[in-house]
Amino acid sequence: MISRLKQLDVPETRGADNALTFLNGLRLMLGTYMTQTFLVLLFAQLFLPALSAQANVQANPCSAPQQEQFNFWVGEWNLTWPGQNAGETGRGTNSIQRILDGCVVQENFSGRDSMHLRGTSVSTFDKKSGKWKQTWVDNEGGYLDFVGEFKDGQMILQREGTRPDGTKVLQRMVWKNITSTEFDWSWEASLDGGKTWQVNWPIHYKRKN
């Protein structure tokens, strides 16, 4: 074999050189791999907590403190209001709950035996406008949309409507005298641009036991 290598003029150490070259290349490859692994671990240590926190914020888009302003309304309620005739009392119920990951307050109203009206609304706090917005629909074909805010211990949502004769009227709902177990709600209208208001439907809420 040695004589054959001599005949071909091939250095006898070429195999050793090739092995050494291979080992050097292997060391370089392993070194690069270890360096890359170290950098990945360093990135995870430094940046993943921040990315996780950011993702958590994105997963809770309705975390604004104003979202809590309607918490007093959430629950199961018995309602009473003055009947059409003197001495009569209308009675109904309202069920209020948070839905859609707490972003929306949903209402389900029933006039029970006192009136035909059944309706539902959804309310949410719009961070862009800084206002509460509500949409109401019912079994009498009604559709109403409101905008407002919680201020001075009262929630007031308002809209502009049109009367059958074509004149404009301001309409609003007012939640007031709020405690943990009861409050007053009123449906009001103004024909003078909000200077004066007439209460058309007062309702007293009392939380169910």
Protein backbone atom coordinates (compact mmCIF):
# COMPACT_ATOMS: atom_id res chain seq x y z
CA MET A 1 0.00 0.00 0.00
CA ILE A 2 2.82 2.38 0.90
CA SER A 3 4.67 1.55 -2.29
CA ARG A 4 1.50 2.14 -4.26
CA LEU A 5 1.09 5.60 -2.68
CA LYS A 6 4.69 6.38 -3.56
CA GLN A 7 4.05 5.31 -7.13
CA LEU A 8 1.07 7.67 -7.29
CA ASP A 9 3.08 10.40 -5.60
CA VAL A 10 0.41 10.75 -2.85
CA PRO A 11 1.56 11.98 0.57
CA GLU A 12 1.15 9.37 3.25
CA THR A 13 -0.31 11.92 5.73
CA ARG A 14 -3.25 12.98 3.55
CA GLY A 15 -5.68 10.74 5.45
CA ALA A 16 -4.61 12.26 8.76
CA ASP A 17 -4.89 15.74 7.32
CA ASN A 18 -8.39 14.99 6.09
CA ALA A 19 -9.40 13.72 9.51
CA LEU A 20 -7.97 16.82 11.16
CA THR A 21 -9.78 19.05 8.71
CA PHE A 22 -13.02 17.19 9.44
CA LEU A 23 -12.55 17.54 13.19
CA ASN A 24 -11.82 21.25 12.87
CA GLY A 25 -14.93 21.70 10.77
CA LEU A 26 -16.97 19.74 13.31
CA ARG A 27 -15.67 21.94 16.13
CA LEU A 28 -16.57 25.05 14.13
CA MET A 29 -20.04 23.74 13.40
CA LEU A 30 -20.64 22.79 17.02
CA GLY A 31 -19.32 26.15 18.14
CA THR A 32 -21.71 27.94 15.80
CA TYR A 33 -24.59 25.78 16.99
CA MET A 34 -23.80 26.47 20.63
CA THR A 35 -23.53 30.17 19.92
CA GLN A 36 -26.90 30.18 18.18
CA THR A 37 -28.45 28.20 21.03
CA PHE A 38 -27.04 30.67 23.56
CA LEU A 39 -28.44 33.62 21.60
CA VAL A 40 -31.88 31.98 21.41
CA LEU A 41 -31.91 31.37 25.15
CA LEU A 42 -30.75 34.92 25.82
CA PHE A 43 -33.52 36.33 23.60
CA ALA A 44 -36.11 34.20 25.41
CA GLN A 45 -34.87 35.39 28.78
CA LEU A 46 -34.84 39.08 27.84
CA PHE A 47 -37.79 39.56 25.52
CA LEU A 48 -40.39 36.82 26.04
CA PRO A 49 -41.71 38.27 29.34
CA ALA A 50 -42.34 41.62 27.62
CA LEU A 51 -43.97 39.95 24.63
CA SER A 52 -46.12 37.85 26.93
CA ALA A 53 -47.25 40.95 28.83
CA GLN A 54 -48.09 42.70 25.56
CA ALA A 55 -50.08 39.70 24.37
CA ASN A 56 -51.96 39.66 27.67
CA VAL A 57 -52.93 43.31 27.20
CA GLN A 58 -54.12 42.55 23.67
CA ALA A 59 -56.14 39.63 25.02
CA ASN A 60 -57.95 41.97 27.43
CA PRO A 61 -58.99 44.95 25.27
CA CYS A 62 -61.81 45.87 27.64
CA SER A 63 -59.70 46.49 30.72
CA ALA A 64 -60.28 50.26 30.86
CA PRO A 65 -61.38 51.35 34.36
CA GLN A 66 -64.51 52.94 32.87
CA GLN A 67 -65.73 49.42 32.12
CA GLU A 68 -66.59 49.13 35.82
CA GLN A 69 -68.99 52.09 35.73
CA PHE A 70 -71.92 49.86 34.76
CA ASN A 71 -71.15 47.14 37.31
CA PHE A 72 -73.95 48.41 39.57
CA TRP A 73 -76.47 47.35 36.89
CA VAL A 74 -75.26 43.76 36.56
CA GLY A 75 -77.54 41.26 38.28
CA GLU A 76 -81.14 40.08 38.53
CA TRP A 77 -83.76 42.75 39.27
CA ASN A 78 -87.42 43.20 40.16
CA LEU A 79 -88.91 46.36 38.68
CA THR A 80 -91.87 48.49 39.69
CA TRP A 81 -93.40 51.59 38.09
CA PRO A 82 -96.66 53.60 38.32
CA GLY A 83 -99.52 51.88 36.49
CA GLN A 84 -101.74 53.55 33.91
CA ASN A 85 -104.50 53.98 36.47
CA ALA A 86 -104.21 55.61 39.88
CA GLY A 87 -103.13 53.18 42.57
CA GLU A 88 -101.89 50.57 40.10
CA THR A 89 -98.30 49.34 40.02
CA GLY A 90 -96.60 47.89 36.99
CA ARG A 91 -94.15 45.07 37.57
CA GLY A 92 -91.42 43.56 35.47
CA THR A 93 -87.96 42.05 35.57
CA ASN A 94 -84.57 42.80 34.09
CA SER A 95 -81.59 40.48 33.82
CA ILE A 96 -78.21 42.16 33.27
CA GLN A 97 -75.00 40.27 32.59
CA ARG A 98 -71.58 40.77 31.10
CA ILE A 99 -70.86 38.83 27.91
CA LEU A 100 -68.10 38.55 25.28
CA ASP A 101 -65.21 38.36 27.74
CA GLY A 102 -66.73 41.12 29.86
CA CYS A 103 -66.63 43.69 27.06
CA VAL A 104 -70.41 44.00 26.69
CA VAL A 105 -73.24 44.56 29.19
CA GLN A 106 -76.37 42.76 27.99
CA GLU A 107 -79.88 43.59 29.19
CA ASN A 108 -82.99 41.38 28.96
CA PHE A 109 -86.16 43.25 29.96
CA SER A 110 -89.61 41.77 30.46
CA GLY A 111 -92.81 43.65 31.26
CA ARG A 112 -94.30 40.36 32.39
CA ASP A 113 -98.09 40.62 32.88
CA SER A 114 -98.05 44.41 33.15
CA MET A 115 -97.11 45.19 29.55
CA HIS A 116 -96.40 43.55 26.23
CA LEU A 117 -92.89 44.99 25.91
CA ARG A 118 -89.92 42.64 25.82
CA GLY A 119 -86.51 43.94 24.83
CA THR A 120 -82.78 43.54 24.94
CA SER A 121 -79.85 45.92 24.77
CA VAL A 122 -76.09 45.75 24.54
CA SER A 123 -73.83 48.41 26.02
CA THR A 124 -70.09 48.89 25.77
CA PHE A 125 -67.53 51.55 26.63
CA ASP A 126 -65.92 52.99 23.51
CA LYS A 127 -62.34 53.97 24.39
CA LYS A 128 -61.92 56.04 21.23
CA SER A 129 -64.76 58.42 22.08
CA GLY A 130 -64.56 57.99 25.86
CA LYS A 131 -68.33 57.35 25.92
CA TRP A 132 -70.72 54.54 26.68
CA LYS A 133 -72.81 53.35 23.73
CA GLN A 134 -75.97 51.28 23.83
CA THR A 135 -78.23 49.67 21.23
CA TRP A 136 -81.77 48.60 22.14
CA VAL A 137 -84.19 46.37 20.17
CA ASP A 138 -87.56 44.96 21.22
CA ASN A 139 -90.57 42.87 20.27
CA GLU A 140 -92.48 45.93 19.08
CA GLY A 141 -90.04 46.75 16.31
CA GLY A 142 -88.18 49.35 18.30
CA TYR A 143 -84.58 50.28 17.60
CA LEU A 144 -82.80 52.92 19.69
CA ASP A 145 -79.16 53.91 20.01
CA PHE A 146 -77.69 55.95 22.84
CA VAL A 147 -74.44 57.65 23.79
CA GLY A 148 -73.47 58.93 27.22
CA GLU A 149 -71.33 58.74 30.31
CA PHE A 150 -71.25 58.16 34.04
CA LYS A 151 -70.89 61.47 35.87
CA ASP A 152 -71.72 62.81 39.34
CA GLY A 153 -73.04 59.43 40.48
CA GLN A 154 -75.44 59.05 37.54
CA MET A 155 -75.31 57.14 34.28
CA ILE A 156 -76.97 59.14 31.49
CA LEU A 157 -77.37 57.82 27.94
CA GLN A 158 -78.97 60.13 25.38
CA ARG A 159 -80.15 60.21 21.77
CA GLU A 160 -82.02 62.42 19.33
CA GLY A 161 -85.34 61.14 18.07
CA THR A 162 -88.04 62.29 15.67
CA ARG A 163 -91.69 62.58 16.69
CA PRO A 164 -94.55 61.51 14.39
CA ASP A 165 -95.08 65.17 13.40
CA GLY A 166 -91.43 65.43 12.31
CA THR A 167 -90.18 67.55 15.20
CA LYS A 168 -86.94 66.63 16.93
CA VAL A 169 -86.89 65.43 20.50
CA LEU A 170 -84.04 64.59 22.86
CA GLN A 171 -84.49 61.35 24.76
CA ARG A 172 -82.42 60.01 27.59
CA MET A 173 -82.21 57.31 30.21
CA VAL A 174 -80.99 58.20 33.69
CA TRP A 175 -79.74 55.74 36.33
CA LYS A 176 -79.65 57.53 39.71
CA ASN A 177 -79.91 57.10 43.51
CA ILE A 178 -77.64 54.09 43.06
CA THR A 179 -76.91 51.70 45.93
CA SER A 180 -75.78 48.09 45.96
CA THR A 181 -79.36 46.78 46.20
CA GLU A 182 -81.55 49.33 44.42
CA PHE A 183 -81.66 52.43 42.23
CA ASP A 184 -84.02 54.55 40.14
CA TRP A 185 -84.19 54.66 36.36
CA SER A 186 -86.16 57.12 34.26
CA TRP A 187 -87.04 57.60 30.60
CA GLU A 188 -87.08 61.33 29.85
CA ALA A 189 -87.70 63.67 26.93
CA SER A 190 -86.85 67.28 26.11
CA LEU A 191 -88.41 69.49 23.44
CA ASP A 192 -86.21 72.52 24.15
CA GLY A 193 -82.78 71.12 23.39
CA GLY A 194 -82.15 69.74 26.85
CA LYS A 195 -83.00 72.84 28.89
CA THR A 196 -85.84 71.03 30.63
CA TRP A 197 -86.73 67.36 30.87
CA GLN A 198 -90.01 65.54 31.37
CA VAL A 199 -90.01 62.11 33.04
CA ASN A 200 -92.24 59.79 31.01
CA TRP A 201 -91.48 56.46 32.64
CA PRO A 202 -89.89 56.09 36.09
CA ILE A 203 -88.82 52.60 37.21
CA HIS A 204 -87.54 51.49 40.59
CA TYR A 205 -85.04 48.64 40.55
CA LYS A 206 -84.67 46.31 43.51
CA ARG A 207 -82.11 43.51 43.42
CA LYS A 208 -83.50 39.99 43.76
CA ASN A 209 -82.43 38.08 46.87
